[in-house]
Amino acid sequence: MKHRISVGQYRAIDLSILTGVLIFSELLICLAVSRWFPAQLYVASPAAAVVTLVMMRWDAWAAVPALAGGIVYSLLYGGSAAQVAIYAVGNLAALLLVPVLRRVGKERVRGDAIYSLLLGLGVQLLMQGGRAVVALVLGFGTGAAIGFFTTDTLSILFTLVIVWIIRRVDGLFEDQMHYLLRIQDEDEEEEK
């Protein structure tokens, strides 16, 4: 008899693993920047790539890595409480794409490289825009708000490359309810 876990348990495990990968990646990048490239103005963050992946897999549950990524990123770079709020809350702006993703259709996005890359780009730009808006609300100047776009350009490229790669792995860049049903159908077909 096979032991089966519930969808909720599977989602919790999946979110924990992907958020853990995000946190570990942010830590490695921070160490690399601080030790080997301290004069660099640009830093690549994997947050948008992971948020894009989770959005495809679990819709609005992408809020989990969006918040975690913002908190970890700002804390690793010595951010103040205001900066933690800017990054954590600002990253949540990416969730504006959840209804768009549903309307377009996840299968269409998964099957089309341009749609996949546009999703990753949209997540990245909305995260940057969300940070800029939160910074303005907290009283930071327009220069600081614009800085979220100009200093994070490397993350756009990083996100697009990661999305390009992960969309090609079977079951990874796919709505997980669809994936689980597909796997179940394949298992039933093999048993016949």
C-alpha atoms as a PDB file:
ATOM      1  CA  MET A   1       0.000   0.000   0.000  1.00  0.00           C
ATOM      2  CA  LYS A   2       1.392   3.343  -1.045  1.00  0.00           C
ATOM      3  CA  HIS A   3       1.554   6.146   1.493  1.00  0.00           C
ATOM      4  CA  ARG A   4       0.063   9.278  -0.015  1.00  0.00           C
ATOM      5  CA  ILE A   5       0.381  12.786   1.273  1.00  0.00           C
ATOM      6  CA  SER A   6      -2.311  15.401   0.906  1.00  0.00           C
ATOM      7  CA  VAL A   7      -2.083  18.224  -1.611  1.00  0.00           C
ATOM      8  CA  GLY A   8      -1.665  20.640   1.296  1.00  0.00           C
ATOM      9  CA  GLN A   9       1.279  18.658   2.640  1.00  0.00           C
ATOM     10  CA  TYR A  10       2.816  18.440  -0.824  1.00  0.00           C
ATOM     11  CA  ARG A  11       2.402  22.203  -1.303  1.00  0.00           C
ATOM     12  CA  ALA A  12       3.951  22.916   2.122  1.00  0.00           C
ATOM     13  CA  ILE A  13       6.952  20.718   1.317  1.00  0.00           C
ATOM     14  CA  ASP A  14       7.303  22.252  -2.134  1.00  0.00           C
ATOM     15  CA  LEU A  15       7.091  25.832  -0.820  1.00  0.00           C
ATOM     16  CA  SER A  16       9.578  25.025   1.939  1.00  0.00           C
ATOM     17  CA  ILE A  17      12.087  23.578  -0.509  1.00  0.00           C
ATOM     18  CA  LEU A  18      11.766  26.390  -3.044  1.00  0.00           C
ATOM     19  CA  THR A  19      11.895  29.096  -0.359  1.00  0.00           C
ATOM     20  CA  GLY A  20      14.907  27.348   1.181  1.00  0.00           C
ATOM     21  CA  VAL A  21      16.633  27.327  -2.220  1.00  0.00           C
ATOM     22  CA  LEU A  22      15.902  31.051  -2.533  1.00  0.00           C
ATOM     23  CA  ILE A  23      17.308  31.846   0.906  1.00  0.00           C
ATOM     24  CA  PHE A  24      20.406  29.701   0.340  1.00  0.00           C
ATOM     25  CA  SER A  25      20.980  31.302  -3.080  1.00  0.00           C
ATOM     26  CA  GLU A  26      20.629  34.808  -1.646  1.00  0.00           C
ATOM     27  CA  LEU A  27      23.151  33.896   1.048  1.00  0.00           C
ATOM     28  CA  LEU A  28      25.660  32.559  -1.500  1.00  0.00           C
ATOM     29  CA  ILE A  29      25.294  35.621  -3.725  1.00  0.00           C
ATOM     30  CA  CYS A  30      25.710  37.937  -0.741  1.00  0.00           C
ATOM     31  CA  LEU A  31      28.879  36.109   0.303  1.00  0.00           C
ATOM     32  CA  ALA A  32      30.241  36.279  -3.237  1.00  0.00           C
ATOM     33  CA  VAL A  33      29.510  39.980  -3.515  1.00  0.00           C
ATOM     34  CA  SER A  34      30.937  40.860  -0.122  1.00  0.00           C
ATOM     35  CA  ARG A  35      34.091  38.742  -0.457  1.00  0.00           C
ATOM     36  CA  TRP A  36      34.989  38.645  -4.130  1.00  0.00           C
ATOM     37  CA  PHE A  37      33.184  41.573  -5.767  1.00  0.00           C
ATOM     38  CA  PRO A  38      32.768  44.265  -3.093  1.00  0.00           C
ATOM     39  CA  ALA A  39      33.019  47.155  -5.577  1.00  0.00           C
ATOM     40  CA  GLN A  40      30.131  45.920  -7.741  1.00  0.00           C
ATOM     41  CA  LEU A  41      27.129  48.210  -8.035  1.00  0.00           C
ATOM     42  CA  TYR A  42      24.875  45.457  -9.377  1.00  0.00           C
ATOM     43  CA  VAL A  43      23.654  42.370  -7.574  1.00  0.00           C
ATOM     44  CA  ALA A  44      21.651  39.523  -9.060  1.00  0.00           C
ATOM     45  CA  SER A  45      18.855  38.160  -6.937  1.00  0.00           C
ATOM     46  CA  PRO A  46      17.075  34.861  -7.601  1.00  0.00           C
ATOM     47  CA  ALA A  47      13.884  36.119  -5.920  1.00  0.00           C
ATOM     48  CA  ALA A  48      11.941  36.930  -9.096  1.00  0.00           C
ATOM     49  CA  ALA A  49      12.876  33.613 -10.696  1.00  0.00           C
ATOM     50  CA  VAL A  50      11.668  31.650  -7.668  1.00  0.00           C
ATOM     51  CA  VAL A  51       8.512  33.775  -7.357  1.00  0.00           C
ATOM     52  CA  THR A  52       7.789  33.148 -11.056  1.00  0.00           C
ATOM     53  CA  LEU A  53       8.248  29.406 -10.580  1.00  0.00           C
ATOM     54  CA  VAL A  54       6.015  29.289  -7.501  1.00  0.00           C
ATOM     55  CA  MET A  55       3.394  31.416  -9.228  1.00  0.00           C
ATOM     56  CA  MET A  56       3.230  28.871 -12.044  1.00  0.00           C
ATOM     57  CA  ARG A  57       3.061  26.008  -9.560  1.00  0.00           C
ATOM     58  CA  TRP A  58       0.802  27.428  -6.819  1.00  0.00           C
ATOM     59  CA  ASP A  59      -0.676  30.811  -7.883  1.00  0.00           C
ATOM     60  CA  ALA A  60      -0.827  33.331  -5.013  1.00  0.00           C
ATOM     61  CA  TRP A  61       1.265  31.101  -2.769  1.00  0.00           C
ATOM     62  CA  ALA A  62       4.096  32.918  -4.527  1.00  0.00           C
ATOM     63  CA  ALA A  63       3.658  35.415  -1.692  1.00  0.00           C
ATOM     64  CA  VAL A  64       5.707  33.092   0.537  1.00  0.00           C
ATOM     65  CA  PRO A  65       9.004  33.319  -1.393  1.00  0.00           C
ATOM     66  CA  ALA A  66       8.256  36.949  -2.320  1.00  0.00           C
ATOM     67  CA  LEU A  67       8.137  37.935   1.353  1.00  0.00           C
ATOM     68  CA  ALA A  68      11.003  35.655   2.380  1.00  0.00           C
ATOM     69  CA  GLY A  69      13.175  36.845  -0.492  1.00  0.00           C
ATOM     70  CA  GLY A  70      12.604  40.486   0.373  1.00  0.00           C
ATOM     71  CA  ILE A  71      13.316  39.995   4.055  1.00  0.00           C
ATOM     72  CA  VAL A  72      16.424  37.875   3.545  1.00  0.00           C
ATOM     73  CA  TYR A  73      17.855  40.105   0.797  1.00  0.00           C
ATOM     74  CA  SER A  74      17.501  43.298   2.812  1.00  0.00           C
ATOM     75  CA  LEU A  75      18.812  41.742   6.027  1.00  0.00           C
ATOM     76  CA  LEU A  76      21.842  40.186   4.310  1.00  0.00           C
ATOM     77  CA  TYR A  77      22.846  43.571   2.957  1.00  0.00           C
ATOM     78  CA  GLY A  78      22.371  45.308   6.309  1.00  0.00           C
ATOM     79  CA  GLY A  79      19.037  46.897   5.560  1.00  0.00           C
ATOM     80  CA  SER A  80      17.072  48.952   8.039  1.00  0.00           C
ATOM     81  CA  ALA A  81      13.521  48.130   9.119  1.00  0.00           C
ATOM     82  CA  ALA A  82      12.256  50.452   6.382  1.00  0.00           C
ATOM     83  CA  GLN A  83      14.321  48.617   3.761  1.00  0.00           C
ATOM     84  CA  VAL A  84      13.009  45.261   4.983  1.00  0.00           C
ATOM     85  CA  ALA A  85       9.464  46.616   4.563  1.00  0.00           C
ATOM     86  CA  ILE A  86      10.273  48.024   1.115  1.00  0.00           C
ATOM     87  CA  TYR A  87      11.649  44.739  -0.185  1.00  0.00           C
ATOM     88  CA  ALA A  88       9.188  42.397   1.519  1.00  0.00           C
ATOM     89  CA  VAL A  89       6.007  44.353   0.794  1.00  0.00           C
ATOM     90  CA  GLY A  90       7.248  45.622  -2.567  1.00  0.00           C
ATOM     91  CA  ASN A  91       7.888  42.084  -3.793  1.00  0.00           C
ATOM     92  CA  LEU A  92       4.212  41.285  -3.249  1.00  0.00           C
ATOM     93  CA  ALA A  93       3.336  43.524  -6.212  1.00  0.00           C
ATOM     94  CA  ALA A  94       4.269  40.542  -8.409  1.00  0.00           C
ATOM     95  CA  LEU A  95       1.043  38.885  -7.273  1.00  0.00           C
ATOM     96  CA  LEU A  96      -0.813  41.279  -9.583  1.00  0.00           C
ATOM     97  CA  LEU A  97       0.134  38.818 -12.316  1.00  0.00           C
ATOM     98  CA  VAL A  98      -1.784  35.895 -10.768  1.00  0.00           C
ATOM     99  CA  PRO A  99      -5.150  36.831 -12.352  1.00  0.00           C
ATOM    100  CA  VAL A 100      -3.404  37.594 -15.653  1.00  0.00           C
ATOM    101  CA  LEU A 101      -1.706  34.199 -15.547  1.00  0.00           C
ATOM    102  CA  ARG A 102      -5.039  32.513 -14.893  1.00  0.00           C
ATOM    103  CA  ARG A 103      -6.694  34.412 -17.737  1.00  0.00           C
ATOM    104  CA  VAL A 104      -3.938  33.641 -20.246  1.00  0.00           C
ATOM    105  CA  GLY A 105      -3.683  30.057 -19.009  1.00  0.00           C
ATOM    106  CA  LYS A 106      -0.751  28.341 -17.371  1.00  0.00           C
ATOM    107  CA  GLU A 107      -0.512  25.690 -20.073  1.00  0.00           C
ATOM    108  CA  ARG A 108      -0.220  28.388 -22.719  1.00  0.00           C
ATOM    109  CA  VAL A 109       2.480  30.177 -20.716  1.00  0.00           C
ATOM    110  CA  ARG A 110       4.332  26.932 -20.039  1.00  0.00           C
ATOM    111  CA  GLY A 111       4.220  25.895 -23.684  1.00  0.00           C
ATOM    112  CA  ASP A 112       5.337  29.209 -25.165  1.00  0.00           C
ATOM    113  CA  ALA A 113       8.848  30.509 -24.490  1.00  0.00           C
ATOM    114  CA  ILE A 114       7.843  34.129 -25.114  1.00  0.00           C
ATOM    115  CA  TYR A 115       4.955  33.961 -22.637  1.00  0.00           C
ATOM    116  CA  SER A 116       7.202  32.262 -20.091  1.00  0.00           C
ATOM    117  CA  LEU A 117       9.861  34.946 -20.427  1.00  0.00           C
ATOM    118  CA  LEU A 118       7.234  37.701 -20.320  1.00  0.00           C
ATOM    119  CA  LEU A 119       5.929  36.239 -17.069  1.00  0.00           C
ATOM    120  CA  GLY A 120       9.426  36.286 -15.558  1.00  0.00           C
ATOM    121  CA  LEU A 121      10.023  39.824 -16.813  1.00  0.00           C
ATOM    122  CA  GLY A 122       6.639  40.945 -15.484  1.00  0.00           C
ATOM    123  CA  VAL A 123       7.338  39.462 -12.059  1.00  0.00           C
ATOM    124  CA  GLN A 124      10.719  41.198 -11.927  1.00  0.00           C
ATOM    125  CA  LEU A 125       9.380  44.582 -13.048  1.00  0.00           C
ATOM    126  CA  LEU A 126       6.394  44.450 -10.699  1.00  0.00           C
ATOM    127  CA  MET A 127       8.674  43.587  -7.788  1.00  0.00           C
ATOM    128  CA  GLN A 128      10.909  46.536  -8.633  1.00  0.00           C
ATOM    129  CA  GLY A 129       7.886  48.791  -9.092  1.00  0.00           C
ATOM    130  CA  GLY A 130       6.364  47.606  -5.836  1.00  0.00           C
ATOM    131  CA  ARG A 131       9.566  48.422  -3.997  1.00  0.00           C
ATOM    132  CA  ALA A 132       9.636  51.871  -5.584  1.00  0.00           C
ATOM    133  CA  VAL A 133       6.029  52.568  -4.553  1.00  0.00           C
ATOM    134  CA  VAL A 134       6.605  51.393  -0.974  1.00  0.00           C
ATOM    135  CA  ALA A 135       9.769  53.520  -0.803  1.00  0.00           C
ATOM    136  CA  LEU A 136       7.827  56.586  -1.952  1.00  0.00           C
ATOM    137  CA  VAL A 137       5.044  55.895   0.565  1.00  0.00           C
ATOM    138  CA  LEU A 138       7.653  55.647   3.326  1.00  0.00           C
ATOM    139  CA  GLY A 139       9.021  59.065   2.367  1.00  0.00           C
ATOM    140  CA  PHE A 140      12.071  58.136   0.325  1.00  0.00           C
ATOM    141  CA  GLY A 141      12.773  60.369  -2.667  1.00  0.00           C
ATOM    142  CA  THR A 142      12.200  59.620  -6.328  1.00  0.00           C
ATOM    143  CA  GLY A 143      15.932  58.955  -6.753  1.00  0.00           C
ATOM    144  CA  ALA A 144      15.687  56.049  -4.330  1.00  0.00           C
ATOM    145  CA  ALA A 145      12.590  54.765  -6.125  1.00  0.00           C
ATOM    146  CA  ILE A 146      14.313  54.911  -9.509  1.00  0.00           C
ATOM    147  CA  GLY A 147      17.310  53.150  -7.992  1.00  0.00           C
ATOM    148  CA  PHE A 148      15.279  49.970  -7.575  1.00  0.00           C
ATOM    149  CA  PHE A 149      15.130  49.711 -11.368  1.00  0.00           C
ATOM    150  CA  THR A 150      18.651  50.836 -12.244  1.00  0.00           C
ATOM    151  CA  THR A 151      20.599  48.764  -9.718  1.00  0.00           C
ATOM    152  CA  ASP A 152      18.595  45.581 -10.257  1.00  0.00           C
ATOM    153  CA  THR A 153      19.028  45.202 -14.017  1.00  0.00           C
ATOM    154  CA  LEU A 154      21.256  42.152 -13.629  1.00  0.00           C
ATOM    155  CA  SER A 155      18.400  40.376 -11.830  1.00  0.00           C
ATOM    156  CA  ILE A 156      16.249  40.766 -14.950  1.00  0.00           C
ATOM    157  CA  LEU A 157      18.763  38.823 -17.026  1.00  0.00           C
ATOM    158  CA  PHE A 158      19.213  36.293 -14.227  1.00  0.00           C
ATOM    159  CA  THR A 159      15.435  35.770 -14.002  1.00  0.00           C
ATOM    160  CA  LEU A 160      15.044  35.316 -17.755  1.00  0.00           C
ATOM    161  CA  VAL A 161      17.850  32.748 -17.935  1.00  0.00           C
ATOM    162  CA  ILE A 162      16.459  30.772 -14.983  1.00  0.00           C
ATOM    163  CA  VAL A 163      12.913  30.823 -16.402  1.00  0.00           C
ATOM    164  CA  TRP A 164      14.247  29.704 -19.800  1.00  0.00           C
ATOM    165  CA  ILE A 165      15.949  26.734 -18.139  1.00  0.00           C
ATOM    166  CA  ILE A 166      13.231  25.663 -15.700  1.00  0.00           C
ATOM    167  CA  ARG A 167      10.442  25.791 -18.282  1.00  0.00           C
ATOM    168  CA  ARG A 168      12.160  22.969 -20.141  1.00  0.00           C
ATOM    169  CA  VAL A 169      12.140  20.543 -17.188  1.00  0.00           C
ATOM    170  CA  ASP A 170       9.059  18.314 -17.221  1.00  0.00           C
ATOM    171  CA  GLY A 171       6.717  19.053 -14.325  1.00  0.00           C
ATOM    172  CA  LEU A 172       8.776  21.884 -12.860  1.00  0.00           C
ATOM    173  CA  PHE A 173       7.254  24.952 -14.556  1.00  0.00           C
ATOM    174  CA  GLU A 174       3.723  23.577 -14.385  1.00  0.00           C
ATOM    175  CA  ASP A 175       0.620  24.078 -12.276  1.00  0.00           C
ATOM    176  CA  GLN A 176       1.046  21.384  -9.665  1.00  0.00           C
ATOM    177  CA  MET A 177      -2.604  20.359  -9.571  1.00  0.00           C
ATOM    178  CA  HIS A 178      -2.394  19.782 -13.318  1.00  0.00           C
ATOM    179  CA  TYR A 179       0.908  17.948 -12.862  1.00  0.00           C
ATOM    180  CA  LEU A 180      -0.423  15.687 -10.099  1.00  0.00           C
ATOM    181  CA  LEU A 181      -3.490  14.783 -12.147  1.00  0.00           C
ATOM    182  CA  ARG A 182      -1.311  14.119 -15.193  1.00  0.00           C
ATOM    183  CA  ILE A 183       0.974  11.829 -13.187  1.00  0.00           C
ATOM    184  CA  GLN A 184      -2.025  10.026 -11.697  1.00  0.00           C
ATOM    185  CA  ASP A 185      -3.461   9.469 -15.187  1.00  0.00           C
ATOM    186  CA  GLU A 186      -0.096   8.136 -16.383  1.00  0.00           C
ATOM    187  CA  ASP A 187       0.102   5.770 -13.389  1.00  0.00           C
ATOM    188  CA  GLU A 188      -3.414   4.482 -14.048  1.00  0.00           C
ATOM    189  CA  GLU A 189      -2.570   3.990 -17.714  1.00  0.00           C
ATOM    190  CA  GLU A 190       0.510   1.936 -16.798  1.00  0.00           C
ATOM    191  CA  GLU A 191      -1.537  -0.277 -14.462  1.00  0.00           C
ATOM    192  CA  LYS A 192      -3.874  -1.286 -17.312  1.00  0.00           C
END
